Amino acid sequence: MPPIIPKPYEPAGHGKSGFTISVVDAKQGQHIRIGISETAQKTHFGGALDAEKDALKLSLSNDQGRNHILTLELAEMGEPNAFSFAGGIKGSLSIRLQPWGPLAKGKRPATELPVIGGKSPRTVLLKLPEYARPEVRKIGQGQPLMD
């Protein structure tokens, strides 16, 4: 009988996405923090981002069936609706945002945001946790009564 040769362990499934979301409750008020690891930058944006020239555009939808998607798009510093970011440890970066909807009081620890799509190296689609999703727009909401 031939000998059994062991193989090194390789974890099943995919690794961590490198994108996180958390809620910070400071004296100045609550804010949302999106974190991006250096590995995620290289994987989804073609390399480490430069805080001096790069920025990110973020977009959300309040449409039924799309309110769970956060879109991050690579942009240049100074473009309209583009956010600058702060550097962190080990090449990571973060963006601080005003909450886009009501949040429960208190902070929430960093939670991984799964990657659900995108077009590398410019755009990535992330799945938001329940608490961070915008409220779904109701039929006719925001339209005049006579329309």
Protein backbone atom coordinates (compact mmCIF):
# COMPACT_ATOMS: atom_id res chain seq x y z
CA MET A 1 0.00 0.00 0.00
CA PRO A 2 1.41 3.47 -0.91
CA PRO A 3 2.24 5.91 1.92
CA ILE A 4 -0.12 8.77 2.74
CA ILE A 5 1.51 12.14 2.11
CA PRO A 6 0.03 14.98 4.23
CA LYS A 7 -0.68 18.34 2.59
CA PRO A 8 -0.47 21.80 4.15
CA TYR A 9 -3.71 23.28 5.47
CA GLU A 10 -5.50 25.67 3.11
CA PRO A 11 -8.60 27.36 4.51
CA ALA A 12 -11.83 26.74 2.62
CA GLY A 13 -13.85 29.60 1.18
CA HIS A 14 -12.62 33.11 0.67
CA GLY A 15 -10.53 35.19 3.04
CA LYS A 16 -11.47 38.48 4.56
CA SER A 17 -12.51 41.24 2.19
CA GLY A 18 -10.34 43.95 3.75
CA PHE A 19 -13.29 46.39 3.94
CA THR A 20 -14.88 47.24 7.29
CA ILE A 21 -17.59 49.52 8.66
CA SER A 22 -18.00 50.78 12.20
CA VAL A 23 -19.94 53.44 14.08
CA VAL A 24 -17.93 55.76 16.33
CA ASP A 25 -19.72 57.62 19.11
CA ALA A 26 -17.54 60.60 20.06
CA LYS A 27 -18.22 63.84 21.98
CA GLN A 28 -18.76 65.61 18.64
CA GLY A 29 -21.42 63.05 17.66
CA GLN A 30 -21.70 59.80 15.79
CA HIS A 31 -19.92 59.09 12.55
CA ILE A 32 -19.45 56.10 10.29
CA ARG A 33 -15.96 54.86 9.56
CA ILE A 34 -15.17 52.81 6.44
CA GLY A 35 -11.81 51.04 6.62
CA ILE A 36 -9.83 49.61 3.69
CA SER A 37 -6.78 47.40 4.21
CA GLU A 38 -3.69 47.66 2.03
CA THR A 39 -4.42 44.21 0.60
CA ALA A 40 -7.95 45.29 -0.42
CA GLN A 41 -6.52 48.42 -2.07
CA LYS A 42 -4.13 46.33 -4.14
CA THR A 43 -6.77 43.75 -5.02
CA HIS A 44 -9.64 46.10 -5.94
CA PHE A 45 -7.95 49.37 -6.94
CA GLY A 46 -4.78 48.11 -8.63
CA GLY A 47 -2.36 49.26 -5.93
CA ALA A 48 -1.97 51.16 -2.69
CA LEU A 49 -3.92 54.44 -2.76
CA ASP A 50 -2.13 57.77 -2.30
CA ALA A 51 -3.83 60.24 0.07
CA GLU A 52 -2.21 63.15 -1.80
CA LYS A 53 -3.80 62.44 -5.21
CA ASP A 54 -6.44 59.71 -4.83
CA ALA A 55 -9.96 59.99 -3.43
CA LEU A 56 -13.03 57.76 -3.34
CA LYS A 57 -16.62 58.38 -4.41
CA LEU A 58 -19.22 56.56 -2.36
CA SER A 59 -22.80 55.98 -3.41
CA LEU A 60 -25.85 54.32 -1.89
CA SER A 61 -29.36 53.64 -3.13
CA ASN A 62 -32.67 53.74 -1.30
CA ASP A 63 -34.39 51.62 -3.96
CA GLN A 64 -35.99 48.34 -2.93
CA GLY A 65 -33.53 45.51 -3.52
CA ARG A 66 -30.48 47.81 -3.85
CA ASN A 67 -30.32 49.53 -0.46
CA HIS A 68 -27.80 46.96 0.80
CA ILE A 69 -25.11 48.01 -1.73
CA LEU A 70 -22.34 50.52 -1.04
CA THR A 71 -20.37 51.46 -4.16
CA LEU A 72 -16.78 52.69 -3.83
CA GLU A 73 -15.28 54.25 -6.95
CA LEU A 74 -11.69 55.43 -7.35
CA ALA A 75 -11.48 59.16 -8.12
CA GLU A 76 -8.91 61.93 -8.18
CA MET A 77 -8.53 64.49 -5.43
CA GLY A 78 -10.76 67.50 -6.08
CA GLU A 79 -13.44 65.69 -8.11
CA PRO A 80 -17.02 66.57 -7.09
CA ASN A 81 -18.46 64.25 -4.42
CA ALA A 82 -15.06 62.59 -3.85
CA PHE A 83 -13.90 61.93 -0.29
CA SER A 84 -10.34 62.17 0.91
CA PHE A 85 -9.14 59.57 3.38
CA ALA A 86 -6.78 59.20 6.30
CA GLY A 87 -3.93 56.72 6.46
CA GLY A 88 -3.68 54.08 9.14
CA ILE A 89 -1.41 51.31 10.32
CA LYS A 90 0.11 48.81 7.89
CA GLY A 91 -0.98 50.81 4.82
CA SER A 92 -4.69 50.82 5.65
CA LEU A 93 -6.89 53.87 5.15
CA SER A 94 -10.22 55.10 6.45
CA ILE A 95 -13.01 57.47 5.52
CA ARG A 96 -15.20 59.20 8.10
CA LEU A 97 -18.79 59.97 7.09
CA GLN A 98 -21.92 61.50 8.56
CA PRO A 99 -24.63 58.84 9.11
CA TRP A 100 -27.04 58.73 6.13
CA GLY A 101 -29.91 57.63 8.33
CA PRO A 102 -30.83 57.34 11.99
CA LEU A 103 -28.57 55.07 14.01
CA ALA A 104 -29.06 53.61 17.47
CA LYS A 105 -27.07 55.38 20.18
CA GLY A 106 -23.67 53.96 21.00
CA LYS A 107 -20.80 52.63 18.96
CA ARG A 108 -20.58 49.51 16.84
CA PRO A 109 -17.35 47.61 16.40
CA ALA A 110 -15.77 47.12 12.99
CA THR A 111 -17.69 44.62 10.85
CA GLU A 112 -16.42 43.11 7.63
CA LEU A 113 -18.15 44.24 4.43
CA PRO A 114 -18.38 41.38 1.90
CA VAL A 115 -17.43 42.23 -1.69
CA ILE A 116 -20.36 41.44 -4.00
CA GLY A 117 -19.08 42.85 -7.29
CA GLY A 118 -17.38 45.69 -9.08
CA LYS A 119 -15.08 46.42 -11.99
CA SER A 120 -11.45 46.26 -10.98
CA PRO A 121 -9.42 48.50 -10.76
CA ARG A 122 -11.95 51.35 -10.43
CA THR A 123 -15.09 50.18 -8.62
CA VAL A 124 -16.06 47.77 -5.86
CA LEU A 125 -19.55 46.89 -4.56
CA LEU A 126 -19.88 46.07 -0.86
CA LYS A 127 -22.78 44.61 1.11
CA LEU A 128 -23.85 46.78 4.05
CA PRO A 129 -24.98 45.30 7.38
CA GLU A 130 -28.66 45.82 8.32
CA TYR A 131 -28.01 48.75 10.66
CA ALA A 132 -26.17 50.79 7.98
CA ARG A 133 -28.65 50.39 5.13
CA PRO A 134 -30.58 53.46 3.96
CA GLU A 135 -34.32 53.37 4.51
CA VAL A 136 -36.15 52.05 1.43
CA ARG A 137 -38.10 54.72 -0.43
CA LYS A 138 -41.83 54.07 -0.47
CA ILE A 139 -43.88 54.22 -3.67
CA GLY A 140 -44.62 57.85 -4.50
CA GLN A 141 -42.37 59.18 -1.74
CA GLY A 142 -40.81 62.50 -2.76
CA GLN A 143 -43.34 63.20 -5.53
CA PRO A 144 -46.16 65.77 -5.56
CA LEU A 145 -49.60 64.39 -4.68
CA MET A 146 -51.05 65.24 -8.11
CA ASP A 147 -48.50 63.15 -10.07
